[in-house]
């Protein structure tokens, strides 16, 4: 081959992009691998199966192109992008244009026949590709359902895709005593059970059926091959309107179906499936929402306040200049919004985190501390106990004229903040410049769908973190339905809730959002335990509202 030909081939190869075939797992965003998150952050183009788009898109970089795919029936799957051809053509078109493409698939790419065809197409054109494995649906879903596939005696496990299984496959699996993991649909699971019985499995063979596995919509039913149709009918489980709702069924004498009441770790979480309203912005509620998810809840952030600049900025401007000129020994941040306000003022003056040199910095809690660290400032003081103004005062040192060259504290805060911290610092001997850094005003009403859910009992619980969140939520969205569990951070907030006609079910033992979430989880756990002891079905509060059973059966 001539040097010219070699150079031409190299240039052509370098002009092509690359493709990452990425397994997004069965549905739980927490099952994405570290490599998957890294690849998503580098992608120019994201082509995702519709059912996993929400799982992967949060990790994609800003500005990533998400083209719209054509559905199998000729309609389009709306993903916010432009309308183009099917996934394979989208991948090839982007890669030919030199783009870094992530092709995100449900489960694991190696078990997806269509994905293998796309890999072969890349190889045929010399497009570089890689595969990032994911948790396979047939493995991840039973694990979340509390159905381990291996028994202590090490019985065989056979995997069956009911959509492509041949008569020979059913015969072999039916004649064996292996645990069978059958991937099928809600519409076809009874037929799959019939195939196994016809092939030799006993009708009384234990069986579990799981729908929406690894998500907070997961539901699992225990039956046998002979009774599965009746069990699903009694549970009023109807196929989805779109059809093809995926399920994973585990069949076998050696499966753990008989012990599922002790092994169902996911569905037995104290707030499993609860839709919990958090009256904060996503940024403010990040750690609280993560904590709620750890209990199995589905948090929904609805801001009840909006932040605006102070009416007169001169006081804030003088304080920031004083910070730079050495007027203060300490600066105390009592909220993420206070950090944001100071940071914006710094940027206005062309300053950065270096302006904090020589000044001690205090943060009221972990979320505020994280906001400071993101700014490049490591706090010198964060409460060791309660994350509140009172907790901050517990650890704040008294003014000592020998060791403290300056006796003044800069306190940027909201216009409606309480005087607890100011009074406590003065009592410790400090002078305080109490500065309004931002104003809080009532937020705009949430979308009509959210308002209806609040008033109609669509939320299982709401967390109130202050009296103002009670007043503002009722003002912009209406009063929560009486089936909704009301959790309040303290007595003052609870009193405000009761004044608005709300029944307070949970009162946090300490004025802390962490303890408030723990209190709601304890409430949910006791409610679940009482239902189990009484032999009743475990339901969410929203399922107790009038008409909810009828609506749920129709979905």
Protein backbone atom coordinates (compact mmCIF):
# COMPACT_ATOMS: atom_id res chain seq x y z
CA UNK A 1 0.00 0.00 0.00
CA UNK A 2 1.37 3.41 -0.93
CA UNK A 3 2.12 6.10 1.72
CA UNK A 4 -0.57 8.26 0.11
CA UNK A 5 -3.18 5.54 0.62
CA UNK A 6 -2.14 5.06 4.24
CA UNK A 7 -2.40 8.78 4.96
CA UNK A 8 -5.78 8.98 3.25
CA UNK A 9 -7.10 6.10 5.34
CA UNK A 10 -5.81 7.65 8.56
CA UNK A 11 -7.38 10.99 7.74
CA UNK A 12 -10.72 9.31 6.98
CA UNK A 13 -10.58 7.36 10.24
CA UNK A 14 -9.77 10.46 12.29
CA UNK A 15 -12.73 12.31 10.74
CA UNK A 16 -15.12 9.72 12.13
CA UNK A 17 -16.54 9.96 15.60
CA UNK A 18 -16.90 7.22 18.17
CA UNK A 19 -19.84 5.42 19.74
CA UNK A 20 -20.36 4.22 23.30
CA UNK A 21 -22.98 1.50 23.68
CA UNK A 22 -24.08 2.06 27.25
CA UNK A 23 -26.18 -0.16 29.49
CA UNK A 24 -28.54 1.99 31.58
CA UNK A 25 -29.79 -0.89 33.73
CA UNK A 26 -33.39 -1.80 34.56
CA UNK A 27 -34.57 1.67 35.65
CA UNK A 28 -33.01 2.74 38.95
CA UNK A 29 -30.69 5.69 38.14
CA UNK A 30 -28.42 4.58 40.99
CA UNK A 31 -27.46 1.46 39.01
CA UNK A 32 -25.53 3.41 36.38
CA UNK A 33 -21.83 2.62 36.55
CA UNK A 34 -19.14 5.24 37.11
CA UNK A 35 -17.90 4.65 33.56
CA UNK A 36 -21.42 5.24 32.23
CA UNK A 37 -21.66 8.60 34.02
CA UNK A 38 -18.23 9.58 32.66
CA UNK A 39 -19.21 8.68 29.10
CA UNK A 40 -22.47 10.62 29.33
CA UNK A 41 -20.60 13.70 30.47
CA UNK A 42 -18.44 13.59 27.33
CA UNK A 43 -21.15 12.90 24.75
CA UNK A 44 -21.93 15.25 21.86
CA UNK A 45 -25.02 13.24 20.90
CA UNK A 46 -27.24 11.08 23.10
CA UNK A 47 -29.45 8.45 21.44
CA UNK A 48 -31.42 6.70 24.20
CA UNK A 49 -34.18 4.14 24.41
CA UNK A 50 -37.26 6.14 25.50
CA UNK A 51 -37.66 4.13 28.71
CA UNK A 52 -34.16 5.07 29.95
CA UNK A 53 -33.89 8.65 28.69
CA UNK A 54 -34.81 10.11 32.09
CA UNK A 55 -32.22 7.85 33.74
CA UNK A 56 -29.29 9.03 31.63
CA UNK A 57 -30.11 12.59 30.58
CA UNK A 58 -29.35 14.08 34.01
CA UNK A 59 -25.70 13.02 33.61
CA UNK A 60 -25.31 14.41 30.09
CA UNK A 61 -23.39 17.64 29.64
CA UNK A 62 -25.18 20.89 28.93
CA UNK A 63 -25.89 21.35 25.24
CA UNK A 64 -25.82 17.66 24.32
CA UNK A 65 -27.84 16.92 21.17
CA UNK A 66 -30.77 14.55 21.86
CA UNK A 67 -32.34 13.78 18.47
CA UNK A 68 -35.91 12.60 18.37
CA UNK A 69 -36.42 8.99 17.33
CA UNK A 70 -39.12 7.50 15.17
CA UNK A 71 -41.22 4.92 16.99
CA UNK A 72 -41.73 1.36 15.80
CA UNK A 73 -45.26 2.28 14.70
CA UNK A 74 -44.05 5.22 12.62
CA UNK A 75 -44.88 7.81 15.27
CA UNK A 76 -42.18 9.82 17.02
CA UNK A 77 -40.93 9.48 20.56
CA UNK A 78 -40.73 13.02 21.93
CA UNK A 79 -37.36 13.58 23.59
CA UNK A 80 -37.14 17.30 23.04
CA UNK A 81 -35.01 17.00 19.90
CA UNK A 82 -35.62 17.08 16.16
CA UNK A 83 -37.52 14.38 14.28
CA UNK A 84 -35.19 11.98 12.42
CA UNK A 85 -34.88 8.30 11.56
CA UNK A 86 -34.57 5.30 13.87
CA UNK A 87 -31.86 4.89 16.48
CA UNK A 88 -29.38 2.95 14.32
CA UNK A 89 -29.45 5.60 11.59
CA UNK A 90 -29.13 8.39 14.16
CA UNK A 91 -26.06 6.75 15.65
CA UNK A 92 -24.36 6.20 12.30
CA UNK A 93 -25.17 9.67 11.01
CA UNK A 94 -23.71 11.36 14.09
CA UNK A 95 -20.61 9.14 14.15
CA UNK A 96 -19.91 9.80 10.46
CA UNK A 97 -19.99 13.49 11.32
CA UNK A 98 -17.18 13.12 13.84
CA UNK A 99 -19.38 13.23 16.96
CA UNK A 100 -18.97 11.36 20.22
CA UNK A 101 -22.19 9.38 20.46
CA UNK A 102 -23.67 7.61 23.47
CA UNK A 103 -26.23 4.94 22.59
CA UNK A 104 -28.07 4.26 25.85
CA UNK A 105 -30.03 1.02 26.13
CA UNK A 106 -32.17 -0.58 28.80
CA UNK A 107 -30.38 -3.29 30.76
CA UNK A 108 -27.10 -4.51 29.23
CA UNK A 109 -26.08 -3.90 25.57
CA UNK A 110 -24.69 -7.42 25.18
CA UNK A 111 -28.18 -8.86 25.67
CA UNK A 112 -29.81 -6.57 23.12
CA UNK A 113 -29.89 -8.06 19.62
CA UNK A 114 -30.56 -4.70 17.97
CA UNK A 115 -27.55 -3.17 19.74
CA UNK A 116 -25.32 -5.98 18.44
CA UNK A 117 -26.50 -5.13 14.92
CA UNK A 118 -25.57 -1.48 15.50
CA UNK A 119 -22.11 -2.53 16.72
CA UNK A 120 -21.58 -4.57 13.56
CA UNK A 121 -22.59 -1.58 11.45
CA UNK A 122 -19.96 0.56 13.24
CA UNK A 123 -17.31 -2.12 12.70
CA UNK A 124 -18.17 -2.36 8.99
CA UNK A 125 -17.52 1.37 8.51
CA UNK A 126 -14.44 1.52 10.72
CA UNK A 127 -16.15 3.60 13.42
CA UNK A 128 -14.49 3.17 16.80
CA UNK A 129 -16.90 1.96 19.48
CA UNK A 130 -16.85 0.74 23.07
CA UNK A 131 -19.31 -1.09 25.29
CA UNK A 132 -20.15 -0.03 28.85
CA UNK A 133 -21.96 -2.95 30.48
CA UNK A 134 -25.09 -2.36 32.52
CA UNK A 135 -27.10 -4.35 35.04
CA UNK A 136 -29.21 -6.78 33.02
CA UNK A 137 -32.96 -6.59 33.63
CA UNK A 138 -33.17 -10.33 34.21
CA UNK A 139 -30.64 -10.05 37.04
CA UNK A 140 -31.37 -6.63 38.54
CA UNK A 141 -35.16 -6.93 38.75
CA UNK A 142 -35.24 -10.19 40.77
CA UNK A 143 -32.56 -8.75 43.11
CA UNK A 144 -34.81 -5.73 43.83
CA UNK A 145 -37.83 -8.02 44.19
CA UNK A 146 -36.12 -9.99 46.95
CA UNK A 147 -35.81 -13.12 44.80
CA UNK A 148 -32.19 -14.35 44.73
CA UNK A 149 -31.61 -16.59 41.73
CA UNK A 150 -29.13 -18.95 43.36
CA UNK A 151 -30.30 -21.21 46.16
CA UNK A 152 -27.97 -22.61 48.87
CA UNK A 153 -27.78 -25.94 47.00
CA UNK A 154 -26.59 -24.17 43.83
CA UNK A 155 -29.42 -25.04 41.43
CA UNK A 156 -29.01 -24.07 37.78
CA UNK A 157 -30.47 -20.83 36.44
CA UNK A 158 -31.90 -20.53 32.92
CA UNK A 159 -32.82 -17.23 31.25
CA UNK A 160 -35.68 -17.12 28.74
CA UNK A 161 -36.81 -14.27 26.51
CA UNK A 162 -40.43 -15.22 25.89
CA UNK A 163 -40.63 -13.05 22.76
CA UNK A 164 -37.99 -15.09 20.91
CA UNK A 165 -38.07 -18.45 22.73
CA UNK A 166 -38.49 -21.49 20.48
CA UNK A 167 -40.53 -24.59 21.24
CA UNK A 168 -37.25 -26.38 21.90
CA UNK A 169 -36.28 -23.74 24.47
CA UNK A 170 -39.57 -24.11 26.37
CA UNK A 171 -39.25 -27.89 26.26
CA UNK A 172 -35.71 -27.86 27.67
CA UNK A 173 -36.51 -25.39 30.45
CA UNK A 174 -39.79 -27.13 31.28
CA UNK A 175 -38.10 -30.53 31.54
CA UNK A 176 -35.37 -29.25 33.88
CA UNK A 177 -35.53 -28.32 37.56
CA UNK A 178 -33.51 -25.12 37.00
CA UNK A 179 -34.76 -21.75 38.22
CA UNK A 180 -36.21 -20.05 35.13
CA UNK A 181 -36.00 -16.27 34.74
CA UNK A 182 -38.52 -15.29 32.08
CA UNK A 183 -38.48 -11.85 30.47
CA UNK A 184 -41.92 -11.21 29.03
CA UNK A 185 -44.80 -8.75 29.13
CA UNK A 186 -47.77 -8.36 31.44
CA UNK A 187 -50.03 -9.42 28.60
CA UNK A 188 -48.02 -12.63 27.94
CA UNK A 189 -46.91 -13.79 31.38
CA UNK A 190 -49.88 -16.18 31.74
CA UNK A 191 -49.11 -17.68 28.35
CA UNK A 192 -45.46 -18.16 29.38
CA UNK A 193 -46.61 -19.99 32.51
CA UNK A 194 -48.77 -22.21 30.31
CA UNK A 195 -45.78 -23.04 28.08
CA UNK A 196 -43.77 -24.21 31.10
CA UNK A 197 -46.64 -26.34 32.42
CA UNK A 198 -47.15 -27.89 28.98
CA UNK A 199 -43.42 -28.68 28.87
CA UNK A 200 -43.51 -30.58 32.15
CA UNK A 201 -43.33 -28.12 35.04
CA UNK A 202 -45.83 -28.79 37.84
CA UNK A 203 -48.68 -26.26 38.13
CA UNK A 204 -47.83 -25.71 41.82
CA UNK A 205 -44.27 -24.55 41.01
CA UNK A 206 -43.63 -21.23 42.84
CA UNK A 207 -43.52 -18.11 40.70
CA UNK A 208 -42.99 -14.36 41.19
CA UNK A 209 -43.96 -11.65 38.72
CA UNK A 210 -42.40 -8.19 38.94
CA UNK A 211 -43.43 -5.13 36.96
CA UNK A 212 -41.52 -1.79 36.78
CA UNK A 213 -38.59 -3.46 38.53
CA UNK A 214 -35.96 -1.37 40.39
CA UNK A 215 -38.17 1.74 40.28
CA UNK A 216 -40.45 3.11 42.98
CA UNK A 217 -43.38 1.89 40.85
CA UNK A 218 -42.22 -1.72 41.29
CA UNK A 219 -44.83 -4.29 42.26
CA UNK A 220 -44.27 -8.01 42.78
CA UNK A 221 -46.85 -10.79 43.05
CA UNK A 222 -46.19 -14.30 44.39
CA UNK A 223 -48.14 -17.13 42.77
CA UNK A 224 -47.64 -20.50 41.11
CA UNK A 225 -47.61 -21.44 37.46
CA UNK A 226 -51.20 -22.63 37.83
CA UNK A 227 -52.55 -19.62 39.77
CA UNK A 228 -50.74 -16.65 38.24
CA UNK A 229 -53.71 -15.67 36.06
CA UNK A 230 -56.06 -15.61 39.05
CA UNK A 231 -53.55 -13.72 41.25
CA UNK A 232 -53.09 -10.97 38.69
CA UNK A 233 -56.83 -10.76 38.08
CA UNK A 234 -57.53 -10.51 41.84
CA UNK A 235 -54.92 -7.74 42.10
CA UNK A 236 -56.80 -5.90 39.32
CA UNK A 237 -53.63 -5.66 37.27
CA UNK A 238 -54.50 -4.50 33.81
CA UNK A 239 -52.18 -4.23 30.80
CA UNK A 240 -51.01 -0.71 30.01
CA UNK A 241 -52.83 1.23 27.32
CA UNK A 242 -49.71 1.14 25.14
CA UNK A 243 -49.27 -2.60 25.57
CA UNK A 244 -46.05 -4.50 26.05
CA UNK A 245 -45.45 -3.59 29.71
CA UNK A 246 -42.30 -5.54 30.60
CA UNK A 247 -42.18 -7.97 33.51
CA UNK A 248 -39.62 -10.41 34.88
CA UNK A 249 -40.97 -13.70 36.22
CA UNK A 250 -38.91 -16.11 38.32
CA UNK A 251 -40.06 -19.74 38.34
CA UNK A 252 -38.73 -22.72 40.23
CA UNK A 253 -38.79 -24.95 43.29
CA UNK A 254 -35.36 -23.61 44.23
CA UNK A 255 -36.24 -19.92 43.84
CA UNK A 256 -36.73 -17.81 46.94
CA UNK A 257 -40.39 -17.05 46.23
CA UNK A 258 -41.43 -18.82 49.45
CA UNK A 259 -39.15 -16.54 51.49
CA UNK A 260 -39.94 -13.31 49.74
CA UNK A 261 -41.73 -11.85 52.77
CA UNK A 262 -38.33 -11.79 54.51
CA UNK A 263 -36.16 -10.92 51.49
CA UNK A 264 -38.19 -8.13 49.85
CA UNK A 265 -35.83 -5.38 50.98
CA UNK A 266 -36.78 -2.81 48.33
CA UNK A 267 -40.58 -2.84 48.39
CA UNK A 268 -40.54 -2.95 52.22
CA UNK A 269 -38.76 0.41 52.56
CA UNK A 270 -40.74 2.64 54.94
CA UNK A 271 -41.84 5.15 52.30
CA UNK A 272 -41.76 2.90 49.25
CA UNK A 273 -43.55 4.57 46.36
CA UNK A 274 -44.70 7.54 48.45
CA UNK A 275 -44.88 10.76 46.46
CA UNK A 276 -43.57 13.38 48.88
CA UNK A 277 -43.93 17.11 48.29
CA UNK A 278 -40.85 19.11 49.30
CA UNK A 279 -41.61 22.86 49.31
CA UNK A 280 -38.11 23.91 48.19
CA UNK A 281 -36.18 24.37 44.97
CA UNK A 282 -34.20 21.41 43.61
CA UNK A 283 -30.94 23.08 44.65
CA UNK A 284 -32.11 23.70 48.23
CA UNK A 285 -33.71 20.27 48.56
CA UNK A 286 -30.85 18.18 47.13
CA UNK A 287 -29.74 16.42 50.33
CA UNK A 288 -33.30 16.12 51.68
CA UNK A 289 -34.55 14.58 48.43
CA UNK A 290 -31.65 12.11 48.43
CA UNK A 291 -32.54 11.10 51.99
CA UNK A 292 -36.19 10.59 51.03
CA UNK A 293 -35.16 8.43 48.06
CA UNK A 294 -33.14 6.24 50.43
CA UNK A 295 -36.45 5.48 52.18
CA UNK A 296 -38.08 4.56 48.85
CA UNK A 297 -39.97 7.83 48.37
CA UNK A 298 -40.40 9.86 45.19
CA UNK A 299 -39.65 13.49 46.14
CA UNK A 300 -41.24 16.30 44.16
CA UNK A 301 -39.70 19.74 44.72
CA UNK A 302 -42.10 22.69 44.54
CA UNK A 303 -40.59 26.07 45.47
CA UNK A 304 -42.85 28.21 47.65
CA UNK A 305 -40.57 31.24 47.82
CA UNK A 306 -38.58 33.19 45.25
CA UNK A 307 -35.41 35.11 45.99
CA UNK A 308 -34.96 38.73 44.92
CA UNK A 309 -32.22 41.34 45.56
CA UNK A 310 -32.66 43.72 48.51
CA UNK A 311 -34.61 46.89 47.79
CA UNK A 312 -31.63 49.03 48.74
CA UNK A 313 -28.27 47.46 47.79
CA UNK A 314 -26.06 50.02 49.54
CA UNK A 315 -25.89 48.14 52.86
CA UNK A 316 -24.73 44.95 51.12
CA UNK A 317 -22.20 46.88 49.05
CA UNK A 318 -20.65 48.50 52.15
CA UNK A 319 -20.44 45.14 53.92
CA UNK A 320 -18.67 43.44 51.00
CA UNK A 321 -16.17 46.30 50.78
CA UNK A 322 -15.64 46.01 54.54
CA UNK A 323 -14.98 42.31 54.15
CA UNK A 324 -12.19 43.06 51.67
CA UNK A 325 -10.66 45.84 53.81
CA UNK A 326 -10.48 43.76 56.99
CA UNK A 327 -13.50 45.02 58.90
CA UNK A 328 -14.64 41.53 59.98
CA UNK A 329 -13.25 38.62 61.96
CA UNK A 330 -16.08 36.27 60.91
CA UNK A 331 -18.69 35.91 58.19
CA UNK A 332 -21.64 33.60 58.92
CA UNK A 333 -23.77 32.03 56.20
CA UNK A 334 -27.19 30.74 57.26
CA UNK A 335 -28.43 29.56 53.86
CA UNK A 336 -27.41 28.62 50.34
CA UNK A 337 -29.15 31.78 49.15
CA UNK A 338 -26.86 33.90 51.35
CA UNK A 339 -23.82 32.27 49.74
CA UNK A 340 -25.29 32.94 46.31
CA UNK A 341 -25.99 36.59 47.15
CA UNK A 342 -22.43 37.23 48.35
CA UNK A 343 -20.96 35.32 45.41
CA UNK A 344 -22.96 37.41 42.93
CA UNK A 345 -21.80 40.61 44.61
CA UNK A 346 -18.19 39.38 44.45
CA UNK A 347 -18.54 38.70 40.72
CA UNK A 348 -19.99 42.19 40.26
CA UNK A 349 -16.82 43.64 41.80
CA UNK A 350 -14.45 41.24 40.03
CA UNK A 351 -13.62 39.39 43.27
CA UNK A 352 -13.27 35.66 43.92
CA UNK A 353 -12.79 33.32 46.87
CA UNK A 354 -9.36 34.80 47.62
CA UNK A 355 -11.14 37.79 49.20
CA UNK A 356 -11.97 35.52 52.17
CA UNK A 357 -8.26 35.25 53.08
CA UNK A 358 -7.78 35.91 56.80
CA UNK A 359 -11.51 35.77 57.58
CA UNK A 360 -13.13 32.93 59.50
CA UNK A 361 -16.17 31.46 57.72
CA UNK A 362 -19.14 29.74 59.38
CA UNK A 363 -21.92 27.72 57.70
CA UNK A 364 -25.20 26.77 59.34
CA UNK A 365 -25.26 23.24 57.86
CA UNK A 366 -23.91 20.75 55.36
CA UNK A 367 -25.81 22.09 52.34
CA UNK A 368 -24.61 25.63 52.97
CA UNK A 369 -21.08 24.32 53.54
CA UNK A 370 -21.21 22.48 50.20
CA UNK A 371 -22.28 25.68 48.46
CA UNK A 372 -19.26 27.46 49.98
CA UNK A 373 -16.90 24.68 48.92
CA UNK A 374 -18.26 24.94 45.37
CA UNK A 375 -17.32 28.62 45.59
CA UNK A 376 -13.79 27.66 46.65
CA UNK A 377 -14.19 28.42 50.37
CA UNK A 378 -13.81 25.78 53.08
CA UNK A 379 -15.83 26.73 56.20
CA UNK A 380 -13.99 27.00 59.50
CA UNK A 381 -17.12 26.24 61.50
CA UNK A 382 -20.10 23.98 60.82
CA UNK A 383 -22.37 22.89 63.72
CA UNK A 384 -21.32 19.57 65.21
CA UNK A 385 -24.89 18.94 66.34
CA UNK A 386 -28.15 20.48 65.22
CA UNK A 387 -27.89 22.23 61.87
CA UNK A 388 -29.60 25.48 62.79
CA UNK A 389 -28.84 28.93 64.19
CA UNK A 390 -29.07 27.44 67.70
CA UNK A 391 -26.66 24.66 66.74
CA UNK A 392 -24.24 27.18 65.26
CA UNK A 393 -24.29 29.21 68.49
CA UNK A 394 -23.53 26.08 70.51
CA UNK A 395 -20.13 25.83 68.77
CA UNK A 396 -19.42 29.52 68.24
CA UNK A 397 -16.49 30.78 70.36
CA UNK A 398 -17.01 33.83 72.60
CA UNK A 399 -15.17 37.00 71.69
CA UNK A 400 -11.72 37.11 73.26
CA UNK A 401 -9.94 40.51 73.02
CA UNK A 402 -6.56 38.78 73.44
CA UNK A 403 -6.90 36.33 70.55
CA UNK A 404 -9.45 38.12 68.34
CA UNK A 405 -8.02 41.28 66.76
CA UNK A 406 -11.47 42.26 65.43
CA UNK A 407 -14.80 41.89 67.23
CA UNK A 408 -17.17 42.14 64.27
CA UNK A 409 -19.24 39.51 62.41
CA UNK A 410 -20.74 39.95 58.93
CA UNK A 411 -24.13 38.22 58.77
CA UNK A 412 -25.69 38.26 55.25
CA UNK A 413 -29.20 36.86 55.40
CA UNK A 414 -32.84 37.05 54.31
CA UNK A 415 -35.09 39.99 55.10
CA UNK A 416 -37.43 37.77 57.16
CA UNK A 417 -34.80 35.86 59.16
CA UNK A 418 -35.26 35.46 62.91
CA UNK A 419 -33.09 37.25 65.46
CA UNK A 420 -31.83 34.10 67.20
CA UNK A 421 -28.33 34.18 65.76
CA UNK A 422 -27.86 37.94 66.11
CA UNK A 423 -28.92 37.92 69.77
CA UNK A 424 -26.73 34.89 70.52
CA UNK A 425 -23.61 36.43 68.94
CA UNK A 426 -24.10 39.69 70.82
CA UNK A 427 -24.41 37.69 74.04
CA UNK A 428 -21.06 36.05 73.21
CA UNK A 429 -19.49 39.49 72.99
CA UNK A 430 -19.48 40.02 69.22
CA UNK A 431 -20.59 43.06 67.24
CA UNK A 432 -22.86 42.04 64.36
CA UNK A 433 -23.44 43.71 61.00
CA UNK A 434 -26.84 42.19 60.26
CA UNK A 435 -27.22 42.78 56.50
CA UNK A 436 -30.18 42.01 54.23
CA UNK A 437 -28.50 40.11 51.37
CA UNK A 438 -31.72 39.03 49.66
CA UNK A 439 -35.49 39.20 49.97
CA UNK A 440 -37.86 36.25 49.99
CA UNK A 441 -41.19 36.60 48.21
CA UNK A 442 -43.95 34.16 47.46
CA UNK A 443 -43.16 32.00 44.42
CA UNK A 444 -45.35 31.73 41.36
CA UNK A 445 -48.00 28.99 41.45
CA UNK A 446 -46.84 25.54 40.30
CA UNK A 447 -48.34 23.96 37.15
CA UNK A 448 -52.05 23.14 37.21
CA UNK A 449 -51.32 19.40 37.35
CA UNK A 450 -49.29 19.87 40.55
CA UNK A 451 -51.96 22.08 42.13
CA UNK A 452 -54.60 19.46 41.42
CA UNK A 453 -52.40 16.73 42.92
CA UNK A 454 -51.93 18.79 46.08
CA UNK A 455 -55.64 19.53 46.54
CA UNK A 456 -56.86 16.17 45.24
CA UNK A 457 -54.70 13.88 47.38
CA UNK A 458 -52.17 12.94 44.72
CA UNK A 459 -49.31 13.42 47.19
CA UNK A 460 -48.80 10.95 50.02
CA UNK A 461 -47.00 13.43 52.28
CA UNK A 462 -45.76 17.01 52.45
CA UNK A 463 -42.81 18.26 54.48
CA UNK A 464 -43.16 21.74 55.96
CA UNK A 465 -39.81 23.22 56.98
CA UNK A 466 -41.09 26.58 58.25
CA UNK A 467 -44.28 28.52 58.90
CA UNK A 468 -43.71 30.48 55.72
CA UNK A 469 -43.71 27.30 53.62
CA UNK A 470 -47.15 26.46 55.03
CA UNK A 471 -48.58 29.90 54.28
CA UNK A 472 -46.96 30.13 50.87
CA UNK A 473 -47.91 26.63 49.69
CA UNK A 474 -51.55 27.13 50.67
CA UNK A 475 -51.43 30.55 49.02
CA UNK A 476 -50.03 29.42 45.66
CA UNK A 477 -51.46 25.90 45.36
CA UNK A 478 -54.26 25.39 47.87
CA UNK A 479 -54.61 23.25 50.99
CA UNK A 480 -53.32 19.66 50.85
CA UNK A 481 -56.00 16.94 50.82
CA UNK A 482 -56.90 15.41 54.18
CA UNK A 483 -55.42 12.01 53.21
CA UNK A 484 -51.99 13.62 52.80
CA UNK A 485 -49.61 13.05 55.71
CA UNK A 486 -48.45 16.41 57.10
CA UNK A 487 -44.94 16.53 58.61
CA UNK A 488 -43.68 19.68 60.34
CA UNK A 489 -40.17 20.65 61.42
CA UNK A 490 -41.19 22.16 64.77
CA UNK A 491 -44.03 23.37 67.05
CA UNK A 492 -44.26 26.83 65.46
CA UNK A 493 -44.62 25.32 61.97
CA UNK A 494 -47.14 22.78 63.28
CA UNK A 495 -49.21 25.57 64.85
CA UNK A 496 -49.29 27.44 61.54
CA UNK A 497 -50.36 24.25 59.74
CA UNK A 498 -53.19 23.68 62.23
CA UNK A 499 -54.30 27.30 61.84
CA UNK A 500 -54.72 26.53 58.15
CA UNK A 501 -56.92 23.54 58.93
CA UNK A 502 -54.26 20.84 58.46
CA UNK A 503 -53.90 17.76 60.65
CA UNK A 504 -50.27 17.39 61.74
CA UNK A 505 -49.23 13.71 61.65
CA UNK A 506 -45.47 14.01 62.15
CA UNK A 507 -43.55 16.47 64.33
CA UNK A 508 -39.77 16.42 64.03
CA UNK A 509 -38.05 15.76 67.38
CA UNK A 510 -35.46 18.40 66.45
CA UNK A 511 -35.62 21.45 64.14
CA UNK A 512 -33.63 19.69 61.42
CA UNK A 513 -34.68 18.61 57.92
CA UNK A 514 -32.75 15.37 58.43
CA UNK A 515 -34.73 14.56 61.58
CA UNK A 516 -37.94 15.63 59.84
CA UNK A 517 -37.35 13.08 57.05
CA UNK A 518 -36.44 10.44 59.64
CA UNK A 519 -39.69 11.17 61.47
CA UNK A 520 -41.71 10.68 58.29
CA UNK A 521 -39.89 7.41 57.61
CA UNK A 522 -40.68 6.19 61.15
CA UNK A 523 -44.33 7.09 60.59
CA UNK A 524 -44.36 5.15 57.33
CA UNK A 525 -42.66 2.13 58.92
CA UNK A 526 -45.23 1.98 61.74
CA UNK A 527 -48.07 2.34 59.27
CA UNK A 528 -46.67 -0.51 57.16
CA UNK A 529 -46.14 -2.74 60.22
CA UNK A 530 -49.72 -2.14 61.40
CA UNK A 531 -51.12 -3.13 57.99
CA UNK A 532 -49.01 -6.31 57.88
CA UNK A 533 -50.02 -7.27 61.42
CA UNK A 534 -53.68 -6.76 60.56
CA UNK A 535 -53.32 -8.87 57.43
CA UNK A 536 -54.21 -5.91 55.21
CA UNK A 537 -52.63 -4.82 51.95
CA UNK A 538 -49.89 -2.22 52.36
CA UNK A 539 -51.13 0.91 50.60
CA UNK A 540 -49.93 4.49 50.29
CA UNK A 541 -52.01 7.34 51.80
CA UNK A 542 -52.95 8.61 48.33
CA UNK A 543 -54.52 5.23 47.57
CA UNK A 544 -57.03 5.76 50.36
CA UNK A 545 -58.67 8.81 48.82
CA UNK A 546 -62.13 8.41 47.28
CA UNK A 547 -62.02 6.98 43.80
CA UNK A 548 -58.31 6.17 43.88
CA UNK A 549 -58.83 2.41 43.60
CA UNK A 550 -60.98 2.85 40.51
CA UNK A 551 -58.46 5.21 38.88
CA UNK A 552 -55.51 2.96 39.75
CA UNK A 553 -57.17 -0.08 38.18
CA UNK A 554 -57.64 1.84 34.97
CA UNK A 555 -53.93 2.70 34.65
